Protein backbone atom coordinates (compact mmCIF):
# COMPACT_ATOMS: atom_id res chain seq x y z
CA MET A 1 -13.81 -2.82 29.29
CA GLU A 2 -10.44 -3.32 30.09
CA GLN A 3 -11.05 -6.59 32.09
CA LEU A 4 -12.46 -8.00 28.57
CA LEU A 5 -8.93 -7.29 26.86
CA THR A 6 -6.75 -10.00 25.72
CA GLN A 7 -3.89 -10.04 28.39
CA GLU A 8 -1.43 -12.46 26.96
CA TRP A 9 0.92 -11.69 24.38
CA ASP A 10 -0.75 -12.06 20.94
CA LYS A 11 1.21 -9.88 18.75
CA VAL A 12 2.86 -10.89 15.05
CA PHE A 13 6.19 -9.70 16.49
CA PRO A 14 8.07 -11.05 19.82
CA LEU A 15 8.25 -8.49 22.68
CA SER A 16 11.33 -6.77 23.11
CA GLU A 17 13.34 -6.60 26.19
CA LYS A 18 13.70 -2.79 26.40
CA VAL A 19 9.99 -1.93 26.81
CA ILE A 20 7.23 -2.31 29.37
CA HIS A 21 4.02 -3.29 27.68
CA ARG A 22 0.57 -3.02 29.07
CA LYS A 23 -3.01 -2.71 27.96
CA VAL A 24 -5.04 0.27 28.37
CA THR A 25 -8.23 1.72 27.26
CA PHE A 26 -9.39 5.10 26.33
CA GLY A 27 -12.74 6.84 25.51
CA THR A 28 -13.77 8.94 22.29
CA GLN A 29 -15.92 12.08 22.01
CA PHE A 30 -18.39 9.74 19.98
CA GLY A 31 -18.71 7.60 23.23
CA MET A 32 -16.53 4.78 21.89
CA VAL A 33 -13.82 3.20 24.10
CA LEU A 34 -10.35 2.17 22.44
CA ALA A 35 -8.13 -0.57 23.15
CA ALA A 36 -4.53 -0.11 22.97
CA ASP A 37 -1.15 -1.21 23.90
CA LEU A 38 1.12 1.29 25.63
CA TYR A 39 4.86 0.66 25.64
CA THR A 40 7.02 2.81 27.74
CA PRO A 41 11.01 2.41 27.65
CA ARG A 42 12.28 0.41 30.09
CA GLN A 43 15.19 2.95 31.31
CA ALA A 44 12.38 5.58 31.26
CA GLU A 45 12.89 8.75 33.34
CA GLY A 46 11.03 12.24 33.63
CA LYS A 47 8.56 13.13 31.16
CA LEU A 48 9.12 11.95 27.79
CA ALA A 49 7.71 12.58 24.24
CA ALA A 50 5.35 10.40 22.90
CA ILE A 51 3.62 8.94 19.80
CA ALA A 52 0.02 7.55 19.00
CA VAL A 53 0.34 5.03 16.12
CA SER A 54 -2.37 3.40 13.84
CA GLY A 55 -3.12 1.27 11.16
CA PRO A 56 -3.22 -0.16 8.11
CA PHE A 57 -6.95 0.10 7.44
CA GLY A 58 -8.46 -2.97 8.28
CA ALA A 59 -5.65 -4.32 10.73
CA VAL A 60 -5.17 -4.14 14.47
CA LYS A 61 -2.97 -3.32 16.91
CA GLU A 62 -1.24 -6.65 17.10
CA GLN A 63 0.24 -6.14 13.55
CA SER A 64 1.98 -3.30 12.13
CA SER A 65 0.98 -0.58 14.33
CA GLY A 66 2.07 -2.37 17.47
CA LEU A 67 5.59 -3.16 15.76
CA TYR A 68 5.60 0.83 15.15
CA ALA A 69 5.07 1.73 18.59
CA MET A 70 7.13 -0.96 20.20
CA ARG A 71 10.23 0.10 17.81
CA MET A 72 9.48 3.73 18.78
CA ALA A 73 9.71 3.13 22.40
CA GLU A 74 12.69 0.96 22.25
CA ARG A 75 14.32 4.49 20.95
CA GLY A 76 12.94 6.29 24.09
CA PHE A 77 9.27 7.81 23.25
CA ILE A 78 6.18 6.50 25.04
CA THR A 79 4.05 5.05 22.45
CA LEU A 80 0.35 4.04 22.23
CA ALA A 81 -0.78 1.53 19.40
CA PHE A 82 -4.38 1.38 19.17
CA ASP A 83 -7.21 -0.49 17.47
CA PRO A 84 -9.67 2.00 15.95
CA SER A 85 -13.51 2.36 16.85
CA TYR A 86 -15.69 -0.51 15.48
CA THR A 87 -12.18 -2.69 15.32
CA GLY A 88 -10.17 -5.08 17.05
CA GLU A 89 -10.81 -4.86 20.66
CA SER A 90 -12.59 -1.54 20.48
CA SER A 91 -15.85 -0.89 20.99
CA GLY A 92 -18.68 -0.03 18.63
CA GLU A 93 -21.19 -2.06 16.70
CA PRO A 94 -21.45 -3.29 14.07
CA ARG A 95 -18.16 -4.45 14.11
CA ARG A 96 -15.51 -3.14 11.11
CA THR A 97 -17.36 -0.30 9.98
CA ALA A 98 -15.50 3.51 9.50
CA SER A 99 -16.46 6.89 9.56
CA PRO A 100 -13.83 9.82 8.59
CA ASP A 101 -14.90 11.89 11.35
CA ILE A 102 -14.73 9.18 13.94
CA ASN A 103 -11.72 7.83 12.71
CA THR A 104 -10.31 11.23 12.86
CA GLU A 105 -11.44 11.47 16.29
CA ASP A 106 -9.60 8.46 17.20
CA PHE A 107 -6.15 9.87 16.76
CA MET A 108 -7.10 13.04 18.64
CA ALA A 109 -8.37 10.70 21.56
CA ALA A 110 -5.40 8.94 21.61
CA VAL A 111 -3.76 12.78 21.97
CA ASP A 112 -5.88 13.39 24.85
CA TYR A 113 -5.06 10.09 26.75
CA LEU A 114 -1.17 10.56 26.36
CA SER A 115 -1.59 14.32 27.23
CA ARG A 116 -2.97 13.20 31.05
CA LEU A 117 -0.12 10.42 31.35
CA ASP A 118 2.07 11.62 34.33
CA ASN A 119 5.14 10.51 32.42
CA VAL A 120 4.36 12.35 29.07
CA ASP A 121 5.40 15.61 27.77
CA ALA A 122 2.21 16.96 26.42
CA ASP A 123 3.88 19.37 24.41
CA ARG A 124 5.66 17.05 22.67
CA ILE A 125 3.44 14.41 21.22
CA GLY A 126 3.17 12.96 17.58
CA ILE A 127 1.42 10.54 15.30
CA ILE A 128 2.34 7.72 13.01
CA GLY A 129 -0.40 6.52 10.41
CA ILE A 130 0.20 3.48 8.15
CA CYS A 131 -1.63 2.74 4.96
CA GLY A 132 -4.88 4.21 5.10
CA TRP A 133 -4.41 5.57 8.48
CA GLY A 134 -1.71 7.58 6.98
CA GLY A 135 -4.06 9.94 5.43
CA ILE A 136 -6.45 10.02 8.57
CA ALA A 137 -3.26 11.01 10.55
CA LEU A 138 -2.81 13.88 8.18
CA ASN A 139 -6.40 14.88 8.72
CA ALA A 140 -6.12 14.82 12.35
CA ALA A 141 -3.18 16.82 12.13
CA ALA A 142 -4.86 19.43 10.10
CA ALA A 143 -7.56 19.79 12.77
CA ASP A 144 -5.25 19.36 15.90
CA PRO A 145 -2.19 21.70 16.26
CA ARG A 146 -1.20 19.52 19.54
CA ILE A 147 0.16 17.26 17.38
CA LYS A 148 3.59 18.46 16.93
CA ALA A 149 4.91 15.79 14.14
CA VAL A 150 3.31 13.37 11.90
CA VAL A 151 4.68 9.95 9.98
CA ALA A 152 2.52 8.70 7.22
CA SER A 153 4.02 5.64 6.35
CA THR A 154 2.92 3.85 2.87
CA MET A 155 -0.19 5.79 3.09
CA TYR A 156 -3.27 5.61 1.13
CA ASP A 157 -5.70 8.42 0.75
CA MET A 158 -9.13 6.39 1.55
CA THR A 159 -11.31 9.39 0.68
CA ARG A 160 -9.88 9.67 -2.73
CA ILE A 161 -9.79 6.02 -3.54
CA GLY A 162 -13.42 5.41 -2.51
CA GLY A 163 -14.31 8.21 -4.78
CA ASN A 164 -12.18 7.99 -7.66
CA GLY A 165 -10.76 4.12 -7.69
CA TYR A 166 -7.51 3.03 -8.03
CA TYR A 167 -5.29 5.58 -9.92
CA ASP A 168 -8.50 7.88 -10.45
CA ALA A 169 -9.65 5.46 -13.14
CA ASN A 170 -13.40 6.28 -11.92
CA ASP A 171 -13.10 9.85 -11.27
CA ASN A 172 -16.48 10.65 -13.09
CA GLU A 173 -19.84 11.35 -12.22
CA ALA A 174 -21.31 8.01 -14.17
CA ASP A 175 -19.17 6.00 -12.21
CA ARG A 176 -19.93 7.60 -8.70
CA HIS A 177 -23.33 7.18 -9.63
CA GLU A 178 -22.91 3.33 -10.30
CA ALA A 179 -21.37 2.85 -7.06
CA ARG A 180 -23.73 4.90 -4.99
CA LYS A 181 -26.44 3.18 -6.24
CA ALA A 182 -24.86 -0.33 -5.73
CA MET A 183 -24.17 0.78 -2.24
CA SER A 184 -27.64 2.03 -1.26
CA THR A 185 -28.91 -1.56 -2.54
CA HIS A 186 -26.82 -2.94 0.11
CA ARG A 187 -28.07 -0.81 2.58
CA LEU A 188 -31.54 -2.50 2.13
CA GLU A 189 -30.50 -6.30 1.28
CA ASN A 190 -27.84 -7.15 3.45
CA PRO A 191 -26.20 -4.10 5.39
CA LEU A 192 -23.84 -6.33 7.47
CA ALA A 193 -22.47 -8.02 4.66
CA MET A 194 -18.48 -8.26 4.53
CA ALA A 195 -16.07 -7.85 1.89
CA GLY A 196 -12.30 -6.78 1.15
CA GLY A 197 -10.66 -9.47 3.22
CA VAL A 198 -7.43 -11.01 1.80
CA ALA A 199 -8.23 -13.95 -0.22
CA ASP A 200 -6.87 -17.33 1.01
CA GLN A 201 -5.52 -17.77 -2.60
CA VAL A 202 -4.23 -15.57 -5.19
CA PRO A 203 -3.65 -16.51 -8.85
CA ASP A 204 -0.45 -16.45 -10.46
CA ASP A 205 -1.66 -13.60 -12.58
CA ALA A 206 -2.51 -11.39 -9.78
CA PRO A 207 -1.27 -8.03 -9.47
CA GLN A 208 1.87 -7.76 -7.28
CA PHE A 209 0.29 -5.94 -4.65
CA LEU A 210 -2.07 -8.30 -3.89
CA LYS A 211 0.24 -11.42 -3.80
CA ASP A 212 2.30 -8.82 -1.28
CA TYR A 213 -1.09 -8.17 0.78
CA HIS A 214 -1.37 -12.51 1.04
CA ALA A 215 2.15 -12.47 1.98
CA TYR A 216 1.79 -10.51 4.79
CA TYR A 217 -1.98 -10.86 5.97
CA LYS A 218 -2.57 -14.28 5.23
CA THR A 219 1.04 -16.25 6.31
CA PRO A 220 2.34 -16.25 9.99
CA ARG A 221 4.18 -13.11 8.85
CA GLY A 222 1.05 -10.85 9.80
CA TYR A 223 -1.82 -13.18 10.19
CA HIS A 224 -4.05 -12.20 13.13
CA ALA A 225 -7.60 -13.48 13.99
CA ARG A 226 -8.83 -10.11 15.00
CA SER A 227 -8.02 -8.16 11.98
CA GLY A 228 -10.42 -7.82 9.15
CA ASN A 229 -7.68 -7.84 6.31
CA SER A 230 -6.72 -11.34 7.47
CA ASN A 231 -10.45 -12.90 7.49
CA ASP A 232 -13.28 -11.57 6.07
CA GLY A 233 -12.71 -7.78 5.71
CA TRP A 234 -14.64 -4.74 6.07
CA ARG A 235 -18.77 -3.96 6.11
CA VAL A 236 -19.75 -3.40 2.39
CA ILE A 237 -21.42 -0.03 3.35
CA GLY A 238 -18.98 0.43 6.19
CA THR A 239 -16.63 3.06 4.21
CA GLN A 240 -19.68 4.56 2.40
CA ALA A 241 -19.09 7.84 3.81
CA TYR A 242 -15.40 7.88 2.93
CA SER A 243 -16.54 7.67 -0.78
CA ASN A 244 -17.99 11.44 -0.41
CA ALA A 245 -15.40 13.35 1.60
CA ARG A 246 -12.21 14.22 0.93
CA PHE A 247 -9.26 14.44 3.79
CA LEU A 248 -6.70 16.41 2.10
CA CYS A 249 -8.69 19.53 2.18
CA TYR A 250 -6.61 21.43 4.74
CA ILE A 251 -3.18 19.69 5.13
CA ASN A 252 -1.63 22.79 3.30
CA GLU A 253 -2.35 24.53 6.63
CA ILE A 254 -0.33 21.97 8.50
CA ARG A 255 2.11 24.02 10.47
CA SER A 256 3.81 21.01 12.43
CA ALA A 257 6.26 18.89 11.00
CA VAL A 258 4.90 15.85 8.32
CA LEU A 259 7.22 12.83 7.26
CA VAL A 260 5.68 11.27 4.35
CA MET A 261 7.36 8.02 3.73
CA HIS A 262 6.82 5.50 0.69
CA GLY A 263 8.05 2.81 -0.83
CA GLU A 264 9.72 3.09 -4.49
CA LYS A 265 7.67 0.00 -5.95
CA ALA A 266 4.43 0.59 -3.84
CA HIS A 267 1.45 0.57 -5.89
CA SER A 268 0.29 3.14 -3.57
CA ARG A 269 3.05 5.61 -3.88
CA TYR A 270 1.21 8.00 -5.93
CA PHE A 271 -1.18 8.61 -2.71
CA GLY A 272 1.64 9.57 -0.80
CA GLU A 273 3.33 11.73 -3.36
CA ALA A 274 0.41 13.81 -4.07
CA ALA A 275 -0.69 14.32 -0.64
CA TYR A 276 2.89 15.91 -0.08
CA ARG A 277 2.75 17.93 -3.13
CA TYR A 278 -0.56 19.39 -1.93
CA MET A 279 0.48 19.97 1.55
CA VAL A 280 3.34 22.16 0.70
CA ASP A 281 2.03 23.94 -2.87
CA GLY A 282 -1.73 23.73 -2.64
CA LYS A 283 -1.90 21.60 -6.15
CA VAL A 284 -2.70 18.11 -6.39
CA ASP A 285 -3.91 15.46 -8.98
CA GLY A 286 -7.03 13.64 -7.82
CA TYR A 287 -8.97 16.52 -6.23
CA ASN A 288 -10.77 19.32 -8.07
CA PHE A 289 -9.81 22.21 -5.84
CA ILE A 290 -6.33 24.48 -5.39
CA GLY A 291 -5.37 25.55 -2.12
CA LYS A 292 -2.63 28.15 -0.88
CA PRO A 293 0.77 26.98 -0.25
CA ASN A 294 1.44 25.80 3.21
CA PRO A 295 2.87 28.45 5.67
CA VAL A 296 5.26 26.65 6.79
CA PRO A 297 6.66 24.39 4.41
CA GLY A 298 10.13 23.63 5.54
CA ASN A 299 9.47 21.01 7.92
CA LYS A 300 7.56 18.72 5.55
CA GLU A 301 9.59 15.89 4.23
CA LEU A 302 8.67 13.30 1.19
CA LEU A 303 11.15 10.22 2.01
CA ILE A 304 10.99 7.39 -0.78
CA ILE A 305 12.77 4.25 0.25
CA PRO A 306 14.47 2.29 -2.63
CA GLU A 307 13.45 -0.78 -3.66
CA ALA A 308 10.35 -1.22 -0.84
CA THR A 309 6.62 -1.80 -1.61
CA HIS A 310 3.66 -1.04 0.17
CA CYS A 311 3.60 -4.00 2.49
CA ASP A 312 7.63 -4.20 2.81
CA LEU A 313 6.73 -0.91 5.51
CA TYR A 314 4.32 -2.86 7.71
CA ASP A 315 6.91 -4.81 9.37
CA GLY A 316 10.28 -4.24 7.11
CA GLY A 317 9.74 -6.85 4.75
CA ASN A 318 12.94 -8.91 3.65
CA GLY A 319 15.15 -5.92 3.25
CA ASN A 320 14.49 -4.36 6.98
CA PHE A 321 12.91 -1.19 4.87
CA ILE A 322 12.00 0.72 7.70
CA PRO A 323 14.18 3.67 8.48
CA TRP A 324 13.58 3.45 12.41
CA GLY A 325 16.77 5.57 13.06
CA ARG A 326 15.61 8.33 10.11
CA LEU A 327 11.96 8.10 12.34
CA GLU A 328 13.59 8.60 15.59
CA GLN A 329 15.73 11.64 13.99
CA PHE A 330 12.36 12.95 12.74
CA PHE A 331 10.56 12.98 15.88
CA ARG A 332 13.33 13.86 18.05
CA ALA A 333 13.96 17.13 15.66
CA ASN A 334 10.30 18.05 15.64
CA MET A 335 8.91 17.38 18.85
């Protein structure tokens, strides 16, 4: 598949002179072939710590995840920004569909790939998940102790929102039943129907977070032709499995270091705060279970960025809100 990848630089950010970039592919245990950008520090020597990056949910590696990967490579890490299964330049049909287990495997397969590189220290591998991939990153870390450090940036819990709606407004059996009926109808009438892309225009009275999405995905700041969020979105039934699952069940057992990073003004902030509370204390809103406190709570952190919105942590926004030095410090201290 590698010969089919776009070789020219087509990211929404310029290539740094401090890194070496190349396109790569790797396989998953589900038989997918994932396309990725590998970033190596130009002055790299010996075996280095490595970081795999993905997200936001519905985006591609040419957007936010690639920027995170490149910036962390500038700071001395080998990094891998990948397109998830069914997305971007990665394999999988039909396009732009998702699965909790397949997407969690995507992260673990990225760790497999990095572990086999001659210039990577396989005992020092971390991951960064952005937006919906923040929740997936936590799920991967709960499943795979090879992941030594995790950053969940501006995270969504896709399983919670799938089953409960925004702010848990639909967290009841009746609303879930109606949603399930609608999804079942779509499966027969139009299983390939797409929805959820950011609209070309947003009305003046639209919620601010929709305006923020538009300012990123539909303008030169973040638009990309392969991005579902920039175009026609995802398959309507493509995330059906997320609605009937829950990601955070075992994150209170993650022993590795975790940094949950969210903007003070992000509409999604409650996802990150809830994930952090459950991860440390085993108690959280939006879930009908209580877990035990984390056996290693001291390496878990919640970082709230003053004044930042959800999309400000995609690329820094107008206020350079992403604390790159803080991320470097976290990974160096914990890998």
